[in-house]
Amino acid sequence: MNNSIMCLTRDAPEYSHDQQVNDFIQGGAQFIQLRSKSLSNEILYQQANKAVTYAKAYGTKLIINDHIELTRKVDAHGVHLGANDGTIANARRILPSGKIIGKTVHSIEEALSAQKDKPDYVGLGPYRISSTKKDLQPVLSNYQFQQIVKILDPIPVYLIGGLSKDDFPLIESLGVQGLALCSALFSGKNLQEQTRLTVDKSRAYSRLTTY
């Protein structure tokens, strides 16, 4: 699996999350996070359920952001937890064995905590200020990112926040597993084509992981 890129969906009234997931998949994405901050529980369930169907049909890993119970109900491949989304231990109790559990980290202190909790991967950022999340923590220095990656080793780390398809060299310079991209994939008129171009560019930086 090409694990150098995680593609993130976003809330868009005219463009459902399941449609975005399908376009990501058709563009070659193999690791996707469905992230909604505004949909009702009912609509989110409907879209997530369809998205999981697409992902399983193509052998793509689909992670649900924030929602442990929703992940269980739609049988997604895993869940990504922010600061207020419950603990990794609780997620492991609720979800079937083998599900992927990711965790957000913004600082060295949070990295030390995550190291003890042992998530399957970490989303680290923001690297830059992002247009899709207005409540991000202060941006760290490259040295701090490198230190956090060392603290978390061997947990795979995905850099997030204001990244573009030109930032893949950061995988090597910071020692991260890959990049989590959202806005960069929606920069053109065709999400599937933008995904394909970005995935192609990412292949040279792909690293193996255990999931």
C-alpha atoms as a PDB file:
ATOM      1  CA  MET A   1       0.000   0.000   0.000  1.00  0.00           C
ATOM      2  CA  ASN A   2       1.216   3.528  -0.834  1.00  0.00           C
ATOM      3  CA  ASN A   3       1.258   5.067   2.631  1.00  0.00           C
ATOM      4  CA  SER A   4       3.026   8.322   1.783  1.00  0.00           C
ATOM      5  CA  ILE A   5      -0.289  10.148   1.378  1.00  0.00           C
ATOM      6  CA  MET A   6      -3.517  10.285   3.364  1.00  0.00           C
ATOM      7  CA  CYS A   7      -6.383  11.984   1.493  1.00  0.00           C
ATOM      8  CA  LEU A   8      -8.919  13.871   3.602  1.00  0.00           C
ATOM      9  CA  THR A   9     -12.490  14.686   2.625  1.00  0.00           C
ATOM     10  CA  ARG A  10     -14.117  17.994   3.524  1.00  0.00           C
ATOM     11  CA  ASP A  11     -17.625  19.347   4.034  1.00  0.00           C
ATOM     12  CA  ALA A  12     -19.056  20.645   0.755  1.00  0.00           C
ATOM     13  CA  PRO A  13     -22.833  20.980   0.228  1.00  0.00           C
ATOM     14  CA  GLU A  14     -22.657  20.017  -3.457  1.00  0.00           C
ATOM     15  CA  TYR A  15     -20.111  17.240  -3.052  1.00  0.00           C
ATOM     16  CA  SER A  16     -20.876  14.432  -0.596  1.00  0.00           C
ATOM     17  CA  HIS A  17     -18.143  12.682   1.341  1.00  0.00           C
ATOM     18  CA  ASP A  18     -18.878   9.342  -0.320  1.00  0.00           C
ATOM     19  CA  GLN A  19     -18.492  10.984  -3.744  1.00  0.00           C
ATOM     20  CA  GLN A  20     -15.184  12.453  -2.634  1.00  0.00           C
ATOM     21  CA  VAL A  21     -14.013   9.079  -1.355  1.00  0.00           C
ATOM     22  CA  ASN A  22     -14.943   7.448  -4.655  1.00  0.00           C
ATOM     23  CA  ASP A  23     -13.025  10.098  -6.605  1.00  0.00           C
ATOM     24  CA  PHE A  24     -10.014   9.676  -4.320  1.00  0.00           C
ATOM     25  CA  ILE A  25     -10.119   5.926  -4.939  1.00  0.00           C
ATOM     26  CA  GLN A  26     -10.459   6.329  -8.712  1.00  0.00           C
ATOM     27  CA  GLY A  27      -7.473   8.669  -8.535  1.00  0.00           C
ATOM     28  CA  GLY A  28      -5.391   5.968  -6.891  1.00  0.00           C
ATOM     29  CA  ALA A  29      -5.628   6.880  -3.196  1.00  0.00           C
ATOM     30  CA  GLN A  30      -5.156   3.950  -0.823  1.00  0.00           C
ATOM     31  CA  PHE A  31      -5.455   5.665   2.562  1.00  0.00           C
ATOM     32  CA  ILE A  32      -8.402   8.035   3.131  1.00  0.00           C
ATOM     33  CA  GLN A  33      -9.830   9.872   6.099  1.00  0.00           C
ATOM     34  CA  LEU A  34     -13.491  10.925   6.039  1.00  0.00           C
ATOM     35  CA  ARG A  35     -13.625  14.168   8.001  1.00  0.00           C
ATOM     36  CA  SER A  36     -16.870  16.066   8.576  1.00  0.00           C
ATOM     37  CA  LYS A  37     -17.431  18.861  11.067  1.00  0.00           C
ATOM     38  CA  SER A  38     -20.944  19.949  10.097  1.00  0.00           C
ATOM     39  CA  LEU A  39     -23.138  17.060   8.902  1.00  0.00           C
ATOM     40  CA  SER A  40     -25.972  15.698  11.001  1.00  0.00           C
ATOM     41  CA  ASN A  41     -25.454  12.230  12.465  1.00  0.00           C
ATOM     42  CA  GLU A  42     -27.998  10.712  10.067  1.00  0.00           C
ATOM     43  CA  ILE A  43     -26.489  12.172   6.888  1.00  0.00           C
ATOM     44  CA  LEU A  44     -22.964  11.435   8.071  1.00  0.00           C
ATOM     45  CA  TYR A  45     -23.940   7.799   8.668  1.00  0.00           C
ATOM     46  CA  GLN A  46     -25.443   7.517   5.181  1.00  0.00           C
ATOM     47  CA  GLN A  47     -22.396   9.011   3.487  1.00  0.00           C
ATOM     48  CA  ALA A  48     -19.901   7.082   5.607  1.00  0.00           C
ATOM     49  CA  ASN A  49     -21.712   3.811   4.919  1.00  0.00           C
ATOM     50  CA  LYS A  50     -21.500   4.381   1.163  1.00  0.00           C
ATOM     51  CA  ALA A  51     -17.868   5.450   1.459  1.00  0.00           C
ATOM     52  CA  VAL A  52     -16.949   2.236   3.292  1.00  0.00           C
ATOM     53  CA  THR A  53     -18.620   0.199   0.541  1.00  0.00           C
ATOM     54  CA  TYR A  54     -16.473   1.937  -2.082  1.00  0.00           C
ATOM     55  CA  ALA A  55     -13.307   1.535  -0.015  1.00  0.00           C
ATOM     56  CA  LYS A  56     -13.792  -2.178   0.601  1.00  0.00           C
ATOM     57  CA  ALA A  57     -14.584  -2.827  -3.053  1.00  0.00           C
ATOM     58  CA  TYR A  58     -11.195  -1.405  -4.046  1.00  0.00           C
ATOM     59  CA  GLY A  59      -9.069  -2.512  -1.094  1.00  0.00           C
ATOM     60  CA  THR A  60      -8.630   1.049   0.174  1.00  0.00           C
ATOM     61  CA  LYS A  61      -8.234   1.854   3.877  1.00  0.00           C
ATOM     62  CA  LEU A  62     -10.915   4.295   5.110  1.00  0.00           C
ATOM     63  CA  ILE A  63     -10.639   6.064   8.462  1.00  0.00           C
ATOM     64  CA  ILE A  64     -13.489   8.004  10.089  1.00  0.00           C
ATOM     65  CA  ASN A  65     -12.504  11.215  11.869  1.00  0.00           C
ATOM     66  CA  ASP A  66     -13.814  11.819  15.418  1.00  0.00           C
ATOM     67  CA  HIS A  67     -16.575   9.174  15.601  1.00  0.00           C
ATOM     68  CA  ILE A  68     -15.802   5.868  17.329  1.00  0.00           C
ATOM     69  CA  GLU A  69     -19.390   4.568  17.322  1.00  0.00           C
ATOM     70  CA  LEU A  70     -19.910   5.520  13.688  1.00  0.00           C
ATOM     71  CA  THR A  71     -16.713   3.673  12.792  1.00  0.00           C
ATOM     72  CA  ARG A  72     -18.117   0.576  14.474  1.00  0.00           C
ATOM     73  CA  LYS A  73     -21.543   0.876  12.845  1.00  0.00           C
ATOM     74  CA  VAL A  74     -20.300   1.256   9.271  1.00  0.00           C
ATOM     75  CA  ASP A  75     -17.349  -1.101   9.850  1.00  0.00           C
ATOM     76  CA  ALA A  76     -14.757   1.369   8.595  1.00  0.00           C
ATOM     77  CA  HIS A  77     -11.115   0.363   8.752  1.00  0.00           C
ATOM     78  CA  GLY A  78     -10.449   2.677  11.677  1.00  0.00           C
ATOM     79  CA  VAL A  79     -10.959   5.958  13.482  1.00  0.00           C
ATOM     80  CA  HIS A  80      -8.926   9.123  13.971  1.00  0.00           C
ATOM     81  CA  LEU A  81      -9.185  10.750  17.396  1.00  0.00           C
ATOM     82  CA  GLY A  82      -8.686  14.415  18.202  1.00  0.00           C
ATOM     83  CA  ALA A  83      -8.173  15.841  21.681  1.00  0.00           C
ATOM     84  CA  ASN A  84     -11.871  15.610  22.597  1.00  0.00           C
ATOM     85  CA  ASP A  85     -12.894  12.418  20.775  1.00  0.00           C
ATOM     86  CA  GLY A  86     -12.240   9.840  23.479  1.00  0.00           C
ATOM     87  CA  THR A  87      -9.216   7.781  24.414  1.00  0.00           C
ATOM     88  CA  ILE A  88      -7.363   5.201  22.392  1.00  0.00           C
ATOM     89  CA  ALA A  89      -8.061   2.645  25.127  1.00  0.00           C
ATOM     90  CA  ASN A  90     -11.810   3.333  24.866  1.00  0.00           C
ATOM     91  CA  ALA A  91     -11.703   3.046  21.079  1.00  0.00           C
ATOM     92  CA  ARG A  92      -9.963  -0.321  21.337  1.00  0.00           C
ATOM     93  CA  ARG A  93     -12.679  -1.522  23.734  1.00  0.00           C
ATOM     94  CA  ILE A  94     -15.495  -0.448  21.419  1.00  0.00           C
ATOM     95  CA  LEU A  95     -14.022  -1.402  18.040  1.00  0.00           C
ATOM     96  CA  PRO A  96     -13.299  -4.928  16.800  1.00  0.00           C
ATOM     97  CA  SER A  97      -9.721  -6.125  16.977  1.00  0.00           C
ATOM     98  CA  GLY A  98      -7.506  -4.999  14.130  1.00  0.00           C
ATOM     99  CA  LYS A  99      -9.073  -1.598  13.522  1.00  0.00           C
ATOM    100  CA  ILE A 100      -6.662   1.281  12.838  1.00  0.00           C
ATOM    101  CA  ILE A 101      -6.650   4.013  15.483  1.00  0.00           C
ATOM    102  CA  GLY A 102      -5.010   7.346  14.760  1.00  0.00           C
ATOM    103  CA  LYS A 103      -4.352  10.248  17.101  1.00  0.00           C
ATOM    104  CA  THR A 104      -3.748  13.965  16.633  1.00  0.00           C
ATOM    105  CA  VAL A 105      -0.595  15.451  18.167  1.00  0.00           C
ATOM    106  CA  HIS A 106       0.240  19.175  18.349  1.00  0.00           C
ATOM    107  CA  SER A 107       3.162  19.307  20.770  1.00  0.00           C
ATOM    108  CA  ILE A 108       5.994  17.425  22.457  1.00  0.00           C
ATOM    109  CA  GLU A 109       3.795  16.966  25.537  1.00  0.00           C
ATOM    110  CA  GLU A 110       1.044  15.372  23.469  1.00  0.00           C
ATOM    111  CA  ALA A 111       3.623  13.228  21.685  1.00  0.00           C
ATOM    112  CA  LEU A 112       4.868  11.851  25.013  1.00  0.00           C
ATOM    113  CA  SER A 113       1.273  11.008  25.956  1.00  0.00           C
ATOM    114  CA  ALA A 114       0.596   9.384  22.570  1.00  0.00           C
ATOM    115  CA  GLN A 115       3.762   7.323  22.903  1.00  0.00           C
ATOM    116  CA  LYS A 116       2.285   5.673  25.982  1.00  0.00           C
ATOM    117  CA  ASP A 117      -1.138   5.156  24.364  1.00  0.00           C
ATOM    118  CA  LYS A 118       0.393   3.549  21.242  1.00  0.00           C
ATOM    119  CA  PRO A 119      -1.942   4.608  18.407  1.00  0.00           C
ATOM    120  CA  ASP A 120      -1.417   2.938  15.041  1.00  0.00           C
ATOM    121  CA  TYR A 121      -0.428   6.279  13.523  1.00  0.00           C
ATOM    122  CA  VAL A 122      -0.265   9.951  14.493  1.00  0.00           C
ATOM    123  CA  GLY A 123      -1.390  13.074  12.640  1.00  0.00           C
ATOM    124  CA  LEU A 124       1.153  15.783  13.517  1.00  0.00           C
ATOM    125  CA  GLY A 125       0.680  19.470  12.872  1.00  0.00           C
ATOM    126  CA  PRO A 126      -0.080  21.974  11.795  1.00  0.00           C
ATOM    127  CA  TYR A 127       2.939  22.363   9.539  1.00  0.00           C
ATOM    128  CA  ARG A 128       1.368  25.523   8.141  1.00  0.00           C
ATOM    129  CA  ILE A 129      -1.898  27.346   8.820  1.00  0.00           C
ATOM    130  CA  SER A 130      -4.662  25.506   7.007  1.00  0.00           C
ATOM    131  CA  SER A 131      -7.748  26.907   5.287  1.00  0.00           C
ATOM    132  CA  THR A 132      -9.821  23.854   6.304  1.00  0.00           C
ATOM    133  CA  LYS A 133      -9.265  24.063  10.063  1.00  0.00           C
ATOM    134  CA  LYS A 134      -9.521  27.387  11.860  1.00  0.00           C
ATOM    135  CA  ASP A 135      -8.761  26.090  15.367  1.00  0.00           C
ATOM    136  CA  LEU A 136      -5.275  24.699  14.773  1.00  0.00           C
ATOM    137  CA  GLN A 137      -2.554  24.975  17.390  1.00  0.00           C
ATOM    138  CA  PRO A 138       0.543  27.162  16.829  1.00  0.00           C
ATOM    139  CA  VAL A 139       2.924  25.979  14.123  1.00  0.00           C
ATOM    140  CA  LEU A 140       6.057  24.168  15.350  1.00  0.00           C
ATOM    141  CA  SER A 141       9.603  24.547  14.038  1.00  0.00           C
ATOM    142  CA  ASN A 142      11.195  21.888  11.826  1.00  0.00           C
ATOM    143  CA  TYR A 143      13.444  20.941  14.726  1.00  0.00           C
ATOM    144  CA  GLN A 144      10.405  20.398  16.963  1.00  0.00           C
ATOM    145  CA  PHE A 145       8.759  18.249  14.287  1.00  0.00           C
ATOM    146  CA  GLN A 146      11.909  16.130  14.068  1.00  0.00           C
ATOM    147  CA  GLN A 147      12.032  15.758  17.848  1.00  0.00           C
ATOM    148  CA  ILE A 148       8.409  14.669  18.006  1.00  0.00           C
ATOM    149  CA  VAL A 149       8.952  12.101  15.251  1.00  0.00           C
ATOM    150  CA  LYS A 150      11.858  10.662  17.272  1.00  0.00           C
ATOM    151  CA  ILE A 151       9.719  10.536  20.431  1.00  0.00           C
ATOM    152  CA  LEU A 152       6.959   8.682  18.602  1.00  0.00           C
ATOM    153  CA  ASP A 153       9.214   6.213  16.769  1.00  0.00           C
ATOM    154  CA  PRO A 154       8.247   3.559  15.615  1.00  0.00           C
ATOM    155  CA  ILE A 155       4.677   4.948  15.371  1.00  0.00           C
ATOM    156  CA  PRO A 156       4.051   6.223  11.797  1.00  0.00           C
ATOM    157  CA  VAL A 157       3.583  10.005  11.668  1.00  0.00           C
ATOM    158  CA  TYR A 158       1.584  11.932   9.066  1.00  0.00           C
ATOM    159  CA  LEU A 159       2.323  15.621   8.725  1.00  0.00           C
ATOM    160  CA  ILE A 160      -0.793  17.782   8.368  1.00  0.00           C
ATOM    161  CA  GLY A 161      -1.714  21.432   7.880  1.00  0.00           C
ATOM    162  CA  GLY A 162      -1.463  23.597   4.752  1.00  0.00           C
ATOM    163  CA  LEU A 163       0.543  21.064   2.757  1.00  0.00           C
ATOM    164  CA  SER A 164       0.743  20.720  -1.020  1.00  0.00           C
ATOM    165  CA  LYS A 165       1.897  18.091  -3.498  1.00  0.00           C
ATOM    166  CA  ASP A 166       5.261  19.885  -3.600  1.00  0.00           C
ATOM    167  CA  ASP A 167       5.914  19.052   0.066  1.00  0.00           C
ATOM    168  CA  PHE A 168       6.706  15.347  -0.255  1.00  0.00           C
ATOM    169  CA  PRO A 169      10.450  15.968   0.335  1.00  0.00           C
ATOM    170  CA  LEU A 170       9.418  16.732   3.948  1.00  0.00           C
ATOM    171  CA  ILE A 171       8.919  12.983   4.376  1.00  0.00           C
ATOM    172  CA  GLU A 172      12.664  12.532   4.207  1.00  0.00           C
ATOM    173  CA  SER A 173      13.793  15.761   5.867  1.00  0.00           C
ATOM    174  CA  LEU A 174      11.486  15.388   8.896  1.00  0.00           C
ATOM    175  CA  GLY A 175      11.396  11.597   8.999  1.00  0.00           C
ATOM    176  CA  VAL A 176       7.604  11.297   8.771  1.00  0.00           C
ATOM    177  CA  GLN A 177       5.608   8.471   7.215  1.00  0.00           C
ATOM    178  CA  GLY A 178       3.682  10.701   4.851  1.00  0.00           C
ATOM    179  CA  LEU A 179       1.534  13.780   4.280  1.00  0.00           C
ATOM    180  CA  ALA A 180      -2.159  14.274   5.021  1.00  0.00           C
ATOM    181  CA  LEU A 181      -3.662  16.387   2.253  1.00  0.00           C
ATOM    182  CA  CYS A 182      -7.037  18.053   1.828  1.00  0.00           C
ATOM    183  CA  SER A 183      -7.164  21.536   0.253  1.00  0.00           C
ATOM    184  CA  ALA A 184      -4.291  20.725  -2.112  1.00  0.00           C
ATOM    185  CA  LEU A 185      -6.385  17.969  -3.688  1.00  0.00           C
ATOM    186  CA  PHE A 186      -9.321  20.305  -4.295  1.00  0.00           C
ATOM    187  CA  SER A 187      -7.220  23.011  -5.958  1.00  0.00           C
ATOM    188  CA  GLY A 188      -8.274  22.025  -9.477  1.00  0.00           C
ATOM    189  CA  LYS A 189     -11.625  21.430 -11.135  1.00  0.00           C
ATOM    190  CA  ASN A 190     -11.328  17.629 -11.132  1.00  0.00           C
ATOM    191  CA  LEU A 191     -10.700  15.933  -7.772  1.00  0.00           C
ATOM    192  CA  GLN A 192     -10.008  12.550  -9.352  1.00  0.00           C
ATOM    193  CA  GLU A 193      -7.347  13.994 -11.654  1.00  0.00           C
ATOM    194  CA  GLN A 194      -5.734  16.065  -8.895  1.00  0.00           C
ATOM    195  CA  THR A 195      -5.614  12.958  -6.729  1.00  0.00           C
ATOM    196  CA  ARG A 196      -4.022  10.937  -9.516  1.00  0.00           C
ATOM    197  CA  LEU A 197      -1.325  13.573 -10.118  1.00  0.00           C
ATOM    198  CA  THR A 198      -0.581  13.829  -6.395  1.00  0.00           C
ATOM    199  CA  VAL A 199      -0.539  10.079  -5.799  1.00  0.00           C
ATOM    200  CA  ASP A 200       1.841   9.630  -8.740  1.00  0.00           C
ATOM    201  CA  LYS A 201       4.148  12.243  -7.265  1.00  0.00           C
ATOM    202  CA  SER A 202       4.012  10.603  -3.835  1.00  0.00           C
ATOM    203  CA  ARG A 203       5.078   7.133  -4.943  1.00  0.00           C
ATOM    204  CA  ALA A 204       8.792   7.916  -4.782  1.00  0.00           C
ATOM    205  CA  TYR A 205       8.405   8.591  -1.046  1.00  0.00           C
ATOM    206  CA  SER A 206       6.284   5.589  -0.089  1.00  0.00           C
ATOM    207  CA  ARG A 207       7.271   3.717   3.071  1.00  0.00           C
ATOM    208  CA  LEU A 208       5.931   0.426   4.383  1.00  0.00           C
ATOM    209  CA  THR A 209       3.749   0.335   7.508  1.00  0.00           C
ATOM    210  CA  THR A 210       2.221  -2.478   9.531  1.00  0.00           C
ATOM    211  CA  TYR A 211      -1.423  -1.696   8.653  1.00  0.00           C
END
